[in-house]
N, C-alpha and C. Protein backbone atom coordinates (compact mmCIF):
# COMPACT_ATOMS: atom_id res chain seq x y z
N MET A 1 102.96 112.15 81.76
CA MET A 1 103.47 112.18 83.12
C MET A 1 104.69 111.18 83.14
N ALA A 2 105.36 111.42 83.72
CA ALA A 2 106.68 110.50 83.97
C ALA A 2 106.65 109.91 85.40
N VAL A 3 106.78 108.42 85.46
CA VAL A 3 107.09 107.98 86.56
C VAL A 3 107.95 108.35 86.91
N VAL A 4 107.90 108.55 88.65
CA VAL A 4 109.02 109.34 89.57
C VAL A 4 109.53 108.26 90.63
N HIS A 5 108.54 106.96 91.11
CA HIS A 5 108.55 106.29 91.88
C HIS A 5 107.98 105.08 91.84
N THR A 6 108.59 104.12 92.23
CA THR A 6 108.21 102.44 91.94
C THR A 6 107.76 102.07 92.99
N SER A 7 106.75 101.40 93.38
CA SER A 7 106.51 100.59 94.70
C SER A 7 105.97 99.05 94.25
N GLU A 8 106.97 98.31 95.20
CA GLU A 8 106.72 97.09 95.09
C GLU A 8 105.84 96.06 95.90
N ILE A 9 104.37 95.13 95.70
CA ILE A 9 103.82 94.60 96.64
C ILE A 9 104.14 92.86 95.96
N LYS A 10 104.78 92.19 97.05
CA LYS A 10 104.84 90.72 96.81
C LYS A 10 104.01 90.18 97.80
N LEU A 11 103.84 89.20 96.95
CA LEU A 11 103.02 87.59 97.45
C LEU A 11 103.49 86.29 97.73
N LYS A 12 104.06 85.76 98.45
CA LYS A 12 104.69 84.85 98.90
C LYS A 12 103.65 83.63 99.15
N VAL A 13 103.87 82.15 98.69
CA VAL A 13 102.57 81.43 98.65
C VAL A 13 103.35 80.14 98.93
N GLY A 14 103.19 79.57 100.17
CA GLY A 14 104.10 78.13 100.56
C GLY A 14 103.11 77.30 100.16
N LEU A 15 103.37 76.28 99.48
CA LEU A 15 102.60 74.93 98.88
C LEU A 15 103.06 73.90 99.74
N ASP A 16 101.92 72.90 99.58
CA ASP A 16 102.41 71.29 100.25
C ASP A 16 102.31 70.53 98.96
N GLU A 17 102.85 69.23 99.23
CA GLU A 17 103.00 68.54 98.16
C GLU A 17 102.39 68.39 97.28
N ASN A 18 100.86 68.61 97.20
CA ASN A 18 99.67 68.78 96.32
C ASN A 18 99.79 70.19 95.86
N ARG A 19 100.61 70.89 96.04
CA ARG A 19 99.94 72.34 95.48
C ARG A 19 99.29 72.93 95.92
N VAL A 20 98.55 72.79 97.38
CA VAL A 20 97.61 73.63 97.59
C VAL A 20 98.47 74.59 98.66
N PRO A 21 97.60 75.81 98.80
CA PRO A 21 98.60 76.57 99.64
C PRO A 21 98.42 76.63 101.53
N GLU A 22 99.60 76.73 102.17
CA GLU A 22 99.41 75.81 103.36
C GLU A 22 100.09 77.28 104.17
N GLU A 23 100.53 78.59 103.35
CA GLU A 23 101.24 79.69 103.88
C GLU A 23 101.51 80.80 102.56
N LEU A 24 100.57 81.57 103.39
CA LEU A 24 100.77 83.36 102.59
C LEU A 24 101.19 84.36 103.18
N THR A 25 102.21 84.79 102.47
CA THR A 25 102.80 86.29 103.40
C THR A 25 102.75 87.36 102.46
N TRP A 26 102.62 88.21 102.90
CA TRP A 26 102.75 89.56 101.70
C TRP A 26 103.85 91.00 102.32
N SER A 27 104.23 91.67 101.55
CA SER A 27 105.26 92.40 101.94
C SER A 27 104.90 93.75 100.91
N ALA A 28 104.62 95.14 101.71
CA ALA A 28 104.90 96.10 100.91
C ALA A 28 105.75 97.14 101.61
N GLU A 29 106.74 97.04 101.37
CA GLU A 29 108.04 98.14 101.90
C GLU A 29 107.36 99.50 102.28
N ASP A 30 106.67 99.89 101.14
CA ASP A 30 106.42 101.50 101.18
C ASP A 30 105.44 101.74 102.40
N GLY A 31 104.28 100.17 102.71
CA GLY A 31 103.60 100.45 103.70
C GLY A 31 104.28 99.89 104.85
N GLY A 32 104.90 99.61 105.09
CA GLY A 32 105.65 98.99 105.95
C GLY A 32 105.38 97.60 106.50
N ILE A 33 105.34 97.13 105.49
CA ILE A 33 104.74 95.69 105.83
C ILE A 33 105.76 94.44 105.46
N ASN A 34 106.08 93.79 106.05
CA ASN A 34 107.46 92.59 105.75
C ASN A 34 107.05 91.22 106.07
N SER A 35 106.30 90.62 105.41
CA SER A 35 106.30 89.32 105.40
C SER A 35 105.07 88.86 106.37
N GLU A 36 104.10 89.29 106.66
CA GLU A 36 103.15 89.33 106.83
C GLU A 36 102.40 88.02 106.42
N GLU A 37 101.66 87.39 107.84
CA GLU A 37 100.80 86.17 107.26
C GLU A 37 99.82 86.50 106.81
N ALA A 38 98.91 85.99 106.07
CA ALA A 38 97.20 86.18 105.40
C ALA A 38 97.18 84.83 105.56
N LYS A 39 95.73 84.73 105.47
CA LYS A 39 94.97 83.31 105.44
C LYS A 39 94.40 83.41 103.84
N ALA A 40 94.42 84.24 103.42
CA ALA A 40 93.61 84.13 102.28
C ALA A 40 93.62 85.66 101.39
N LEU A 41 93.52 85.59 100.06
CA LEU A 41 93.97 86.97 99.18
C LEU A 41 93.18 86.37 97.75
N LEU A 42 92.33 87.82 97.95
CA LEU A 42 91.81 87.84 96.47
C LEU A 42 92.42 89.63 95.57
N LEU A 43 92.83 88.72 94.33
CA LEU A 43 93.80 89.88 93.73
C LEU A 43 92.46 90.09 92.09
N SER A 44 92.40 91.07 91.75
CA SER A 44 91.70 91.24 90.50
C SER A 44 92.54 92.37 89.61
N VAL A 45 92.79 91.85 88.55
CA VAL A 45 93.80 93.08 87.58
C VAL A 45 93.03 93.13 86.66
N TRP A 46 92.82 94.40 86.15
CA TRP A 46 92.37 94.75 84.67
C TRP A 46 93.48 94.80 83.59
N ASP A 47 92.81 93.84 82.59
CA ASP A 47 93.55 93.81 81.64
C ASP A 47 93.02 94.87 80.23
N SER A 48 93.11 96.02 80.25
CA SER A 48 92.48 96.90 79.26
C SER A 48 92.75 96.52 77.71
N LYS A 49 93.60 95.72 77.58
CA LYS A 49 93.85 95.31 76.29
C LYS A 49 92.66 94.02 75.77
N ASN A 50 92.10 93.18 76.60
CA ASN A 50 91.23 92.55 76.61
C ASN A 50 90.06 92.85 76.73
N LYS A 51 89.97 93.84 77.88
CA LYS A 51 88.67 94.21 78.39
C LYS A 51 87.81 93.13 79.45
N GLU A 52 88.83 92.69 80.14
CA GLU A 52 88.54 91.63 80.98
C GLU A 52 89.66 91.61 82.47
N SER A 53 88.74 91.42 83.41
CA SER A 53 89.81 91.33 84.79
C SER A 53 89.81 89.72 84.85
N LEU A 54 91.18 89.72 85.65
CA LEU A 54 92.40 88.66 86.00
C LEU A 54 92.37 88.36 87.23
N LYS A 55 92.03 86.91 87.72
CA LYS A 55 91.77 87.38 89.14
C LYS A 55 93.02 85.95 89.70
N ILE A 56 93.16 86.13 91.15
CA ILE A 56 93.66 85.15 91.64
C ILE A 56 93.47 85.26 92.78
N ASP A 57 92.65 84.19 93.20
CA ASP A 57 92.07 83.84 94.80
C ASP A 57 92.93 82.71 95.17
N LEU A 58 93.34 82.70 96.29
CA LEU A 58 93.76 81.79 97.40
C LEU A 58 93.45 81.65 98.83
N TRP A 59 93.54 80.99 99.59
CA TRP A 59 93.57 80.41 100.99
C TRP A 59 94.11 79.42 101.45
N THR A 60 94.39 79.09 102.24
CA THR A 60 95.02 78.46 103.09
C THR A 60 94.52 77.44 103.70
N LYS A 61 94.75 76.38 103.29
CA LYS A 61 93.59 75.03 104.12
C LYS A 61 93.35 75.07 105.56
N ASP A 62 93.91 76.05 106.22
CA ASP A 62 93.65 76.30 107.47
C ASP A 62 93.21 77.30 107.83
N MET A 63 92.49 78.16 106.80
CA MET A 63 91.37 78.97 106.81
C MET A 63 89.92 78.67 107.60
N PRO A 64 89.61 78.88 108.46
CA PRO A 64 88.44 78.96 109.15
C PRO A 64 86.91 79.04 108.02
N VAL A 65 86.29 78.28 107.54
CA VAL A 65 85.34 78.55 106.93
C VAL A 65 84.49 80.16 107.50
N GLU A 66 83.93 79.97 108.79
CA GLU A 66 83.65 81.43 109.40
C GLU A 66 84.45 82.85 109.11
N GLU A 67 85.55 82.25 109.07
CA GLU A 67 86.63 83.55 109.04
C GLU A 67 86.27 83.99 107.48
N MET A 68 86.15 82.98 106.72
CA MET A 68 85.92 83.14 105.17
C MET A 68 84.96 84.13 104.97
N LYS A 69 83.81 83.46 105.12
CA LYS A 69 82.47 84.20 105.26
C LYS A 69 82.51 85.99 105.82
N ILE A 70 83.46 86.27 107.02
CA ILE A 70 83.58 87.69 107.07
C ILE A 70 84.28 88.33 106.54
N PHE A 71 85.58 87.75 105.95
CA PHE A 71 86.62 88.12 104.85
C PHE A 71 85.58 88.52 103.57
N PHE A 72 84.72 87.94 102.89
CA PHE A 72 83.68 87.99 102.03
C PHE A 72 83.06 89.24 102.11
N HIS A 73 82.17 89.03 103.06
CA HIS A 73 81.43 90.51 103.55
C HIS A 73 82.08 91.71 103.43
N GLN A 74 83.46 91.45 104.47
CA GLN A 74 84.02 92.85 104.40
C GLN A 74 84.63 93.27 103.16
N THR A 75 85.23 92.07 102.07
CA THR A 75 85.82 92.42 100.63
C THR A 75 84.66 93.27 99.68
N LEU A 76 83.19 92.52 100.01
CA LEU A 76 82.46 93.09 99.32
C LEU A 76 81.97 94.64 99.95
N VAL A 77 81.99 94.89 101.00
CA VAL A 77 81.57 96.49 101.74
C VAL A 77 82.85 97.28 100.77
N THR A 78 84.03 96.61 100.72
CA THR A 78 85.20 97.70 100.57
C THR A 78 84.82 97.78 98.80
N MET A 79 84.65 96.66 98.44
CA MET A 79 84.33 96.63 96.61
C MET A 79 83.69 97.78 96.47
N ALA A 80 82.39 97.90 97.60
CA ALA A 80 81.07 98.93 96.98
C ALA A 80 81.86 100.30 97.20
N ASP A 81 82.50 100.82 98.39
CA ASP A 81 82.93 101.89 98.85
C ASP A 81 84.33 102.15 97.51
N THR A 82 84.71 101.14 97.07
CA THR A 82 85.68 101.60 96.18
C THR A 82 84.90 101.88 94.77
N PHE A 83 84.13 101.15 94.26
CA PHE A 83 83.20 101.84 93.38
C PHE A 83 82.86 102.94 93.10
N TYR A 84 82.21 103.38 94.63
CA TYR A 84 81.49 104.96 94.49
C TYR A 84 83.00 106.05 94.36
N LYS A 85 84.26 105.54 95.14
CA LYS A 85 85.39 106.38 94.70
C LYS A 85 85.63 106.36 93.10
N ALA A 86 85.54 105.50 92.79
CA ALA A 86 85.69 105.80 91.38
C ALA A 86 84.79 106.04 90.03
N THR A 87 83.70 105.70 90.63
CA THR A 87 82.42 106.09 89.49
C THR A 87 81.85 107.26 90.16
N GLN A 88 81.52 107.66 91.23
CA GLN A 88 80.68 108.46 92.25
C GLN A 88 79.19 108.37 91.54
N ASP A 89 78.75 106.86 91.43
CA ASP A 89 77.49 106.74 91.27
C ASP A 89 76.91 105.95 92.50
N GLU A 90 76.06 106.93 92.94
CA GLU A 90 75.36 106.73 94.27
C GLU A 90 74.74 105.49 94.73
N LYS A 91 73.39 105.45 93.23
CA LYS A 91 72.71 104.56 93.30
C LYS A 91 73.09 103.47 93.79
N MET A 92 73.82 103.06 91.93
CA MET A 92 74.50 101.55 92.17
C MET A 92 75.32 101.36 93.74
N THR A 93 75.96 101.96 93.88
CA THR A 93 77.00 101.91 95.39
C THR A 93 76.02 101.55 96.46
N ALA A 94 74.87 102.59 96.77
CA ALA A 94 73.68 102.11 97.86
C ALA A 94 73.09 100.24 97.22
N THR A 95 72.64 100.27 96.01
CA THR A 95 72.41 98.95 95.92
C THR A 95 73.77 97.84 96.33
N MET A 96 74.41 98.35 96.32
CA MET A 96 75.66 97.18 96.38
C MET A 96 75.76 97.03 98.00
N LYS A 97 75.49 98.35 98.56
CA LYS A 97 75.60 98.08 100.09
C LYS A 97 74.22 97.18 100.69
N ASP A 98 73.31 97.90 100.10
CA ASP A 98 71.77 96.77 100.35
C ASP A 98 72.41 95.30 100.44
N PHE A 99 72.93 94.79 99.26
CA PHE A 99 73.26 93.21 99.18
C PHE A 99 74.36 93.02 100.32
N CYS A 100 75.47 94.06 100.88
CA CYS A 100 76.24 93.29 101.50
C CYS A 100 75.24 93.28 103.07
N GLU A 101 74.43 94.00 103.19
CA GLU A 101 73.70 94.25 104.46
C GLU A 101 72.60 92.53 104.23
N TYR A 102 72.41 92.23 103.13
CA TYR A 102 71.51 91.04 103.29
C TYR A 102 72.71 90.13 103.10
N PHE A 103 73.59 89.84 102.69
CA PHE A 103 74.77 89.08 102.64
C PHE A 103 75.08 88.65 103.90
N ALA A 104 75.05 90.01 105.01
CA ALA A 104 75.78 89.33 106.37
C ALA A 104 74.65 89.21 107.16
N GLU A 105 73.57 89.66 106.74
CA GLU A 105 71.81 89.18 107.43
C GLU A 105 72.01 87.60 107.16
N LYS A 106 72.27 86.94 106.09
CA LYS A 106 71.85 85.44 105.28
C LYS A 106 73.02 84.72 106.33
N LEU A 107 74.23 85.11 106.46
CA LEU A 107 75.21 84.33 106.73
C LEU A 107 74.99 84.57 108.41
N GLU A 108 74.45 85.60 108.83
CA GLU A 108 74.35 86.01 110.53
C GLU A 108 75.62 86.26 110.73
N LEU A 109 75.78 87.09 110.31
CA LEU A 109 77.67 87.85 110.51
C LEU A 109 76.96 89.33 111.45
N LYS A 110 76.27 89.72 111.65
CA LYS A 110 75.58 90.79 112.40
C LYS A 110 74.54 90.29 113.27
């Protein structure tokens, strides 16, 4: 199957003098996003050659801890949903969702 269209997602990181992120912006032209501000990002990429995931975890120094807890919870829930879409494994998805509930409860997010 030939590639008929490409799409680009851009991440821009503004660093302070110590190379600590001060600003994060992202753009996805196909999605109508242009230089939108973000306070944190988690990016995972699968390296099929080495059979390992590679990651970039960044957050600005003014990202509030309480928002980081919410961000992680929402990311975990989304990962459970994505896991189901990719595998159709209902049992493990339910286990992951149970953990998400436990995580939210322990952090008093709900």
